């Protein structure tokens, strides 16, 4: 079963990992900690677009990776 994985790094250290099966992604998206979603929203990434990509049978691997150099944080979103 495909899942979406969100990894948050502070420096080189992994701070949090969230892994959610695609079938429950729509419901689980409402439960994501706001702290980790704020990075998406501040970069104009729509959670609904991520859900749509994760739902596609043709999509796998890393979808998005972005870095906040001021806070030394990195967020990686992938479909596995």
PDB file of N, CA and C in Angstrom:
ATOM      1  N   UNK A   1       0.848  -1.172   0.000  1.00  0.00           N
ATOM      2  CA  UNK A   1       0.000   0.000   0.000  1.00  0.00           C
ATOM      3  C   UNK A   1       0.896   1.238   0.000  1.00  0.00           C
ATOM      4  N   UNK A   2       0.594   2.192  -0.889  1.00  0.00           N
ATOM      5  CA  UNK A   2       1.371   3.421  -0.962  1.00  0.00           C
ATOM      6  C   UNK A   2       1.111   4.302   0.252  1.00  0.00           C
ATOM      7  N   UNK A   3       2.158   5.031   0.647  1.00  0.00           N
ATOM      8  CA  UNK A   3       2.060   5.973   1.755  1.00  0.00           C
ATOM      9  C   UNK A   3       2.734   7.273   1.366  1.00  0.00           C
ATOM     10  N   UNK A   4       2.360   8.329   2.039  1.00  0.00           N
ATOM     11  CA  UNK A   4       3.074   9.583   1.907  1.00  0.00           C
ATOM     12  C   UNK A   4       3.891   9.763   3.179  1.00  0.00           C
ATOM     13  N   UNK A   5       5.129  10.201   2.987  1.00  0.00           N
ATOM     14  CA  UNK A   5       6.022  10.366   4.136  1.00  0.00           C
ATOM     15  C   UNK A   5       6.515  11.806   4.154  1.00  0.00           C
ATOM     16  N   UNK A   6       6.396  12.436   5.309  1.00  0.00           N
ATOM     17  CA  UNK A   6       6.890  13.791   5.509  1.00  0.00           C
ATOM     18  C   UNK A   6       7.980  13.710   6.565  1.00  0.00           C
ATOM     19  N   UNK A   7       9.178  14.134   6.177  1.00  0.00           N
ATOM     20  CA  UNK A   7      10.299  14.144   7.102  1.00  0.00           C
ATOM     21  C   UNK A   7      10.733  15.588   7.334  1.00  0.00           C
ATOM     22  N   UNK A   8      10.935  15.942   8.590  1.00  0.00           N
ATOM     23  CA  UNK A   8      11.372  17.282   8.959  1.00  0.00           C
ATOM     24  C   UNK A   8      12.744  17.157   9.604  1.00  0.00           C
ATOM     25  N   UNK A   9      13.694  17.925   9.087  1.00  0.00           N
ATOM     26  CA  UNK A   9      15.059  17.897   9.596  1.00  0.00           C
ATOM     27  C   UNK A   9      15.424  19.266  10.153  1.00  0.00           C
ATOM     28  N   UNK A  10      16.121  19.268  11.264  1.00  0.00           N
ATOM     29  CA  UNK A  10      16.740  20.486  11.786  1.00  0.00           C
ATOM     30  C   UNK A  10      18.232  20.249  11.678  1.00  0.00           C
ATOM     31  N   UNK A  11      18.885  21.004  10.803  1.00  0.00           N
ATOM     32  CA  UNK A  11      20.276  20.710  10.475  1.00  0.00           C
ATOM     33  C   UNK A  11      20.307  19.371   9.771  1.00  0.00           C
ATOM     34  N   UNK A  12      21.155  18.489  10.218  1.00  0.00           N
ATOM     35  CA  UNK A  12      21.232  17.144   9.644  1.00  0.00           C
ATOM     36  C   UNK A  12      20.428  16.130  10.447  1.00  0.00           C
ATOM     37  N   UNK A  13      19.865  16.549  11.568  1.00  0.00           N
ATOM     38  CA  UNK A  13      19.118  15.650  12.447  1.00  0.00           C
ATOM     39  C   UNK A  13      17.639  15.598  12.064  1.00  0.00           C
ATOM     40  N   UNK A  14      17.098  14.402  11.962  1.00  0.00           N
ATOM     41  CA  UNK A  14      15.672  14.244  11.689  1.00  0.00           C
ATOM     42  C   UNK A  14      14.907  14.623  12.954  1.00  0.00           C
ATOM     43  N   UNK A  15      13.995  15.583  12.817  1.00  0.00           N
ATOM     44  CA  UNK A  15      13.208  16.074  13.949  1.00  0.00           C
ATOM     45  C   UNK A  15      11.882  15.333  14.055  1.00  0.00           C
ATOM     46  N   UNK A  16      11.289  15.002  12.906  1.00  0.00           N
ATOM     47  CA  UNK A  16       9.989  14.314  12.917  1.00  0.00           C
ATOM     48  C   UNK A  16       9.801  13.575  11.594  1.00  0.00           C
ATOM     49  N   UNK A  17       9.075  12.470  11.668  1.00  0.00           N
ATOM     50  CA  UNK A  17       8.672  11.725  10.473  1.00  0.00           C
ATOM     51  C   UNK A  17       7.200  11.382  10.625  1.00  0.00           C
ATOM     52  N   UNK A  18       6.442  11.686   9.591  1.00  0.00           N
ATOM     53  CA  UNK A  18       5.019  11.369   9.571  1.00  0.00           C
ATOM     54  C   UNK A  18       4.788  10.505   8.330  1.00  0.00           C
ATOM     55  N   UNK A  19       4.234   9.313   8.507  1.00  0.00           N
ATOM     56  CA  UNK A  19       3.969   8.407   7.385  1.00  0.00           C
ATOM     57  C   UNK A  19       2.501   8.012   7.443  1.00  0.00           C
ATOM     58  N   UNK A  20       1.804   8.246   6.322  1.00  0.00           N
ATOM     59  CA  UNK A  20       0.359   8.013   6.289  1.00  0.00           C
ATOM     60  C   UNK A  20      -0.010   7.231   5.024  1.00  0.00           C
ATOM     61  N   UNK A  21      -0.737   6.131   5.150  1.00  0.00           N
ATOM     62  CA  UNK A  21      -1.209   5.406   3.970  1.00  0.00           C
ATOM     63  C   UNK A  21      -2.111   6.312   3.119  1.00  0.00           C
ATOM     64  N   UNK A  22      -1.935   6.224   1.814  1.00  0.00           N
ATOM     65  CA  UNK A  22      -2.704   7.076   0.902  1.00  0.00           C
ATOM     66  C   UNK A  22      -4.215   6.954   1.104  1.00  0.00           C
ATOM     67  N   UNK A  23      -4.771   5.751   1.321  1.00  0.00           N
ATOM     68  CA  UNK A  23      -6.228   5.670   1.483  1.00  0.00           C
ATOM     69  C   UNK A  23      -6.796   6.481   2.655  1.00  0.00           C
ATOM     70  N   UNK A  24      -5.990   6.712   3.682  1.00  0.00           N
ATOM     71  CA  UNK A  24      -6.499   7.489   4.812  1.00  0.00           C
ATOM     72  C   UNK A  24      -5.942   8.911   4.827  1.00  0.00           C
ATOM     73  N   UNK A  25      -5.250   9.276   3.756  1.00  0.00           N
ATOM     74  CA  UNK A  25      -4.579  10.567   3.701  1.00  0.00           C
ATOM     75  C   UNK A  25      -5.530  11.748   3.822  1.00  0.00           C
ATOM     76  N   UNK A  26      -6.663  11.684   3.168  1.00  0.00           N
ATOM     77  CA  UNK A  26      -7.604  12.817   3.206  1.00  0.00           C
ATOM     78  C   UNK A  26      -8.082  13.104   4.630  1.00  0.00           C
ATOM     79  N   UNK A  27      -8.376  12.076   5.386  1.00  0.00           N
ATOM     80  CA  UNK A  27      -8.808  12.269   6.771  1.00  0.00           C
ATOM     81  C   UNK A  27      -7.617  12.659   7.641  1.00  0.00           C
ATOM     82  N   UNK A  28      -6.505  11.978   7.465  1.00  0.00           N
ATOM     83  CA  UNK A  28      -5.329  12.227   8.290  1.00  0.00           C
ATOM     84  C   UNK A  28      -4.755  13.628   8.062  1.00  0.00           C
ATOM     85  N   UNK A  29      -4.948  14.176   6.882  1.00  0.00           N
ATOM     86  CA  UNK A  29      -4.428  15.511   6.585  1.00  0.00           C
ATOM     87  C   UNK A  29      -4.982  16.554   7.553  1.00  0.00           C
ATOM     88  N   UNK A  30      -6.176  16.340   8.021  1.00  0.00           N
ATOM     89  CA  UNK A  30      -6.773  17.268   8.978  1.00  0.00           C
ATOM     90  C   UNK A  30      -6.119  17.165  10.351  1.00  0.00           C
ATOM     91  N   UNK A  31      -5.365  16.085  10.580  1.00  0.00           N
ATOM     92  CA  UNK A  31      -4.734  15.852  11.877  1.00  0.00           C
ATOM     93  C   UNK A  31      -3.255  16.246  11.903  1.00  0.00           C
ATOM     94  N   UNK A  32      -2.702  16.654  10.744  1.00  0.00           N
ATOM     95  CA  UNK A  32      -1.285  17.033  10.698  1.00  0.00           C
ATOM     96  C   UNK A  32      -1.016  18.167  11.671  1.00  0.00           C
ATOM     97  N   UNK A  33       0.082  18.095  12.386  1.00  0.00           N
ATOM     98  CA  UNK A  33       0.454  19.224  13.250  1.00  0.00           C
ATOM     99  C   UNK A  33       0.683  20.483  12.414  1.00  0.00           C
ATOM    100  N   UNK A  34       0.075  21.571  12.794  1.00  0.00           N
ATOM    101  CA  UNK A  34       0.198  22.840  12.056  1.00  0.00           C
ATOM    102  C   UNK A  34       1.659  23.267  11.922  1.00  0.00           C
ATOM    103  N   UNK A  35       2.466  22.933  12.906  1.00  0.00           N
ATOM    104  CA  UNK A  35       3.880  23.308  12.881  1.00  0.00           C
ATOM    105  C   UNK A  35       4.554  22.820  11.597  1.00  0.00           C
ATOM    106  N   UNK A  36       4.200  21.618  11.153  1.00  0.00           N
ATOM    107  CA  UNK A  36       4.856  21.040   9.992  1.00  0.00           C
ATOM    108  C   UNK A  36       4.181  21.423   8.684  1.00  0.00           C
ATOM    109  N   UNK A  37       2.926  21.802   8.740  1.00  0.00           N
ATOM    110  CA  UNK A  37       2.236  22.232   7.522  1.00  0.00           C
ATOM    111  C   UNK A  37       2.541  23.680   7.170  1.00  0.00           C
ATOM    112  N   UNK A  38       2.951  24.475   8.137  1.00  0.00           N
ATOM    113  CA  UNK A  38       3.211  25.890   7.873  1.00  0.00           C
ATOM    114  C   UNK A  38       4.304  26.068   6.833  1.00  0.00           C
ATOM    115  N   UNK A  39       5.289  25.164   6.801  1.00  0.00           N
ATOM    116  CA  UNK A  39       6.344  25.242   5.793  1.00  0.00           C
ATOM    117  C   UNK A  39       5.780  25.043   4.392  1.00  0.00           C
ATOM    118  N   UNK A  40       4.811  24.156   4.248  1.00  0.00           N
ATOM    119  CA  UNK A  40       4.178  23.955   2.949  1.00  0.00           C
ATOM    120  C   UNK A  40       3.446  25.209   2.507  1.00  0.00           C
ATOM    121  N   UNK A  41       2.605  25.707   3.385  1.00  0.00           N
ATOM    122  CA  UNK A  41       1.762  26.854   3.052  1.00  0.00           C
ATOM    123  C   UNK A  41       2.591  28.092   2.746  1.00  0.00           C
ATOM    124  N   UNK A  42       3.699  28.276   3.446  1.00  0.00           N
ATOM    125  CA  UNK A  42       4.531  29.448   3.199  1.00  0.00           C
ATOM    126  C   UNK A  42       5.267  29.353   1.866  1.00  0.00           C
ATOM    127  N   UNK A  43       5.291  28.169   1.259  1.00  0.00           N
ATOM    128  CA  UNK A  43       5.917  27.974  -0.051  1.00  0.00           C
ATOM    129  C   UNK A  43       4.888  27.708  -1.139  1.00  0.00           C
ATOM    130  N   UNK A  44       3.644  28.084  -0.892  1.00  0.00           N
ATOM    131  CA  UNK A  44       2.549  27.955  -1.864  1.00  0.00           C
ATOM    132  C   UNK A  44       2.334  26.528  -2.353  1.00  0.00           C
ATOM    133  N   UNK A  45       2.510  25.562  -1.467  1.00  0.00           N
ATOM    134  CA  UNK A  45       2.249  24.164  -1.791  1.00  0.00           C
ATOM    135  C   UNK A  45       0.901  23.802  -1.194  1.00  0.00           C
ATOM    136  N   UNK A  46       0.022  23.305  -2.034  1.00  0.00           N
ATOM    137  CA  UNK A  46      -1.319  22.933  -1.591  1.00  0.00           C
ATOM    138  C   UNK A  46      -1.329  21.483  -1.119  1.00  0.00           C
ATOM    139  N   UNK A  47      -1.875  21.264   0.051  1.00  0.00           N
ATOM    140  CA  UNK A  47      -1.991  19.898   0.561  1.00  0.00           C
ATOM    141  C   UNK A  47      -2.878  19.059  -0.362  1.00  0.00           C
ATOM    142  N   UNK A  48      -3.884  19.658  -0.952  1.00  0.00           N
ATOM    143  CA  UNK A  48      -4.750  18.900  -1.867  1.00  0.00           C
ATOM    144  C   UNK A  48      -3.981  18.451  -3.113  1.00  0.00           C
ATOM    145  N   UNK A  49      -3.014  19.253  -3.584  1.00  0.00           N
ATOM    146  CA  UNK A  49      -2.180  18.841  -4.720  1.00  0.00           C
ATOM    147  C   UNK A  49      -1.294  17.656  -4.347  1.00  0.00           C
ATOM    148  N   UNK A  50      -0.782  17.658  -3.122  1.00  0.00           N
ATOM    149  CA  UNK A  50       0.040  16.541  -2.663  1.00  0.00           C
ATOM    150  C   UNK A  50      -0.799  15.274  -2.573  1.00  0.00           C
ATOM    151  N   UNK A  51      -2.011  15.398  -2.063  1.00  0.00           N
ATOM    152  CA  UNK A  51      -2.911  14.250  -1.963  1.00  0.00           C
ATOM    153  C   UNK A  51      -3.229  13.710  -3.352  1.00  0.00           C
ATOM    154  N   UNK A  52      -3.499  14.593  -4.286  1.00  0.00           N
ATOM    155  CA  UNK A  52      -3.800  14.170  -5.658  1.00  0.00           C
ATOM    156  C   UNK A  52      -2.604  13.442  -6.281  1.00  0.00           C
ATOM    157  N   UNK A  53      -1.395  13.954  -6.085  1.00  0.00           N
ATOM    158  CA  UNK A  53      -0.198  13.307  -6.626  1.00  0.00           C
ATOM    159  C   UNK A  53       0.017  11.943  -5.973  1.00  0.00           C
ATOM    160  N   UNK A  54      -0.162  11.873  -4.667  1.00  0.00           N
ATOM    161  CA  UNK A  54       0.030  10.609  -3.955  1.00  0.00           C
ATOM    162  C   UNK A  54      -0.975   9.555  -4.389  1.00  0.00           C
ATOM    163  N   UNK A  55      -2.137   9.989  -4.795  1.00  0.00           N
ATOM    164  CA  UNK A  55      -3.206   9.086  -5.227  1.00  0.00           C
ATOM    165  C   UNK A  55      -2.959   8.524  -6.629  1.00  0.00           C
ATOM    166  N   UNK A  56      -2.082   9.153  -7.392  1.00  0.00           N
ATOM    167  CA  UNK A  56      -1.815   8.731  -8.764  1.00  0.00           C
ATOM    168  C   UNK A  56      -0.958   7.462  -8.784  1.00  0.00           C
ATOM    169  N   UNK A  57      -1.336   6.481  -9.598  1.00  0.00           N
ATOM    170  CA  UNK A  57      -0.538   5.245  -9.675  1.00  0.00           C
ATOM    171  C   UNK A  57       0.827   5.475 -10.335  1.00  0.00           C
ATOM    172  N   UNK A  58       0.991   6.597 -11.040  1.00  0.00           N
ATOM    173  CA  UNK A  58       2.238   6.872 -11.758  1.00  0.00           C
ATOM    174  C   UNK A  58       3.267   7.616 -10.921  1.00  0.00           C
ATOM    175  N   UNK A  59       2.915   8.005  -9.707  1.00  0.00           N
ATOM    176  CA  UNK A  59       3.800   8.829  -8.885  1.00  0.00           C
ATOM    177  C   UNK A  59       4.390   8.003  -7.753  1.00  0.00           C
ATOM    178  N   UNK A  60       5.717   8.096  -7.591  1.00  0.00           N
ATOM    179  CA  UNK A  60       6.397   7.502  -6.440  1.00  0.00           C
ATOM    180  C   UNK A  60       7.710   8.251  -6.239  1.00  0.00           C
ATOM    181  N   UNK A  61       8.275   8.115  -5.055  1.00  0.00           N
ATOM    182  CA  UNK A  61       9.528   8.787  -4.756  1.00  0.00           C
ATOM    183  C   UNK A  61       9.312  10.187  -4.208  1.00  0.00           C
ATOM    184  N   UNK A  62      10.365  10.969  -4.222  1.00  0.00           N
ATOM    185  CA  UNK A  62      10.353  12.310  -3.656  1.00  0.00           C
ATOM    186  C   UNK A  62       9.485  13.247  -4.489  1.00  0.00           C
ATOM    187  N   UNK A  63       8.540  13.899  -3.819  1.00  0.00           N
ATOM    188  CA  UNK A  63       7.687  14.885  -4.477  1.00  0.00           C
ATOM    189  C   UNK A  63       8.234  16.299  -4.304  1.00  0.00           C
ATOM    190  N   UNK A  64       8.580  16.634  -3.074  1.00  0.00           N
ATOM    191  CA  UNK A  64       8.996  17.993  -2.742  1.00  0.00           C
ATOM    192  C   UNK A  64      10.083  17.939  -1.685  1.00  0.00           C
ATOM    193  N   UNK A  65      11.058  18.805  -1.841  1.00  0.00           N
ATOM    194  CA  UNK A  65      12.052  19.026  -0.793  1.00  0.00           C
ATOM    195  C   UNK A  65      12.327  20.518  -0.757  1.00  0.00           C
ATOM    196  N   UNK A  66      12.195  21.111   0.404  1.00  0.00           N
ATOM    197  CA  UNK A  66      12.551  22.522   0.510  1.00  0.00           C
ATOM    198  C   UNK A  66      13.243  22.804   1.826  1.00  0.00           C
ATOM    199  N   UNK A  67      14.050  23.864   1.781  1.00  0.00           N
ATOM    200  CA  UNK A  67      14.878  24.208   2.925  1.00  0.00           C
ATOM    201  C   UNK A  67      14.581  25.625   3.388  1.00  0.00           C
ATOM    202  N   UNK A  68      14.583  25.792   4.689  1.00  0.00           N
ATOM    203  CA  UNK A  68      14.490  27.106   5.306  1.00  0.00           C
ATOM    204  C   UNK A  68      15.873  27.393   5.878  1.00  0.00           C
ATOM    205  N   UNK A  69      16.644  28.178   5.148  1.00  0.00           N
ATOM    206  CA  UNK A  69      18.029  28.419   5.542  1.00  0.00           C
ATOM    207  C   UNK A  69      18.131  29.256   6.810  1.00  0.00           C
ATOM    208  N   UNK A  70      17.165  30.122   7.049  1.00  0.00           N
ATOM    209  CA  UNK A  70      17.204  30.942   8.257  1.00  0.00           C
ATOM    210  C   UNK A  70      17.038  30.088   9.512  1.00  0.00           C
ATOM    211  N   UNK A  71      16.133  29.121   9.458  1.00  0.00           N
ATOM    212  CA  UNK A  71      15.873  28.263  10.616  1.00  0.00           C
ATOM    213  C   UNK A  71      16.636  26.946  10.555  1.00  0.00           C
ATOM    214  N   UNK A  72      17.416  26.749   9.469  1.00  0.00           N
ATOM    215  CA  UNK A  72      18.189  25.526   9.285  1.00  0.00           C
ATOM    216  C   UNK A  72      17.284  24.294   9.335  1.00  0.00           C
ATOM    217  N   UNK A  73      16.133  24.391   8.663  1.00  0.00           N
ATOM    218  CA  UNK A  73      15.181  23.278   8.595  1.00  0.00           C
ATOM    219  C   UNK A  73      15.009  22.827   7.151  1.00  0.00           C
ATOM    220  N   UNK A  74      14.689  21.551   6.999  1.00  0.00           N
ATOM    221  CA  UNK A  74      14.426  20.975   5.678  1.00  0.00           C
ATOM    222  C   UNK A  74      13.245  20.047   5.799  1.00  0.00           C
ATOM    223  N   UNK A  75      12.326  20.099   4.828  1.00  0.00           N
ATOM    224  CA  UNK A  75      11.159  19.237   4.803  1.00  0.00           C
ATOM    225  C   UNK A  75      11.194  18.446   3.492  1.00  0.00           C
ATOM    226  N   UNK A  76      11.028  17.122   3.604  1.00  0.00           N
ATOM    227  CA  UNK A  76      11.018  16.236   2.445  1.00  0.00           C
ATOM    228  C   UNK A  76       9.687  15.496   2.451  1.00  0.00           C
ATOM    229  N   UNK A  77       8.974  15.581   1.322  1.00  0.00           N
ATOM    230  CA  UNK A  77       7.694  14.878   1.175  1.00  0.00           C
ATOM    231  C   UNK A  77       7.863  13.883   0.040  1.00  0.00           C
ATOM    232  N   UNK A  78       7.580  12.616   0.325  1.00  0.00           N
ATOM    233  CA  UNK A  78       7.729  11.585  -0.696  1.00  0.00           C
ATOM    234  C   UNK A  78       6.573  10.596  -0.628  1.00  0.00           C
ATOM    235  N   UNK A  79       6.419   9.870  -1.742  1.00  0.00           N
ATOM    236  CA  UNK A  79       5.427   8.804  -1.832  1.00  0.00           C
ATOM    237  C   UNK A  79       6.203   7.498  -1.879  1.00  0.00           C
ATOM    238  N   UNK A  80       5.846   6.579  -0.971  1.00  0.00           N
ATOM    239  CA  UNK A  80       6.574   5.302  -0.940  1.00  0.00           C
ATOM    240  C   UNK A  80       5.599   4.145  -0.864  1.00  0.00           C
TER     241      UNK A  80
END
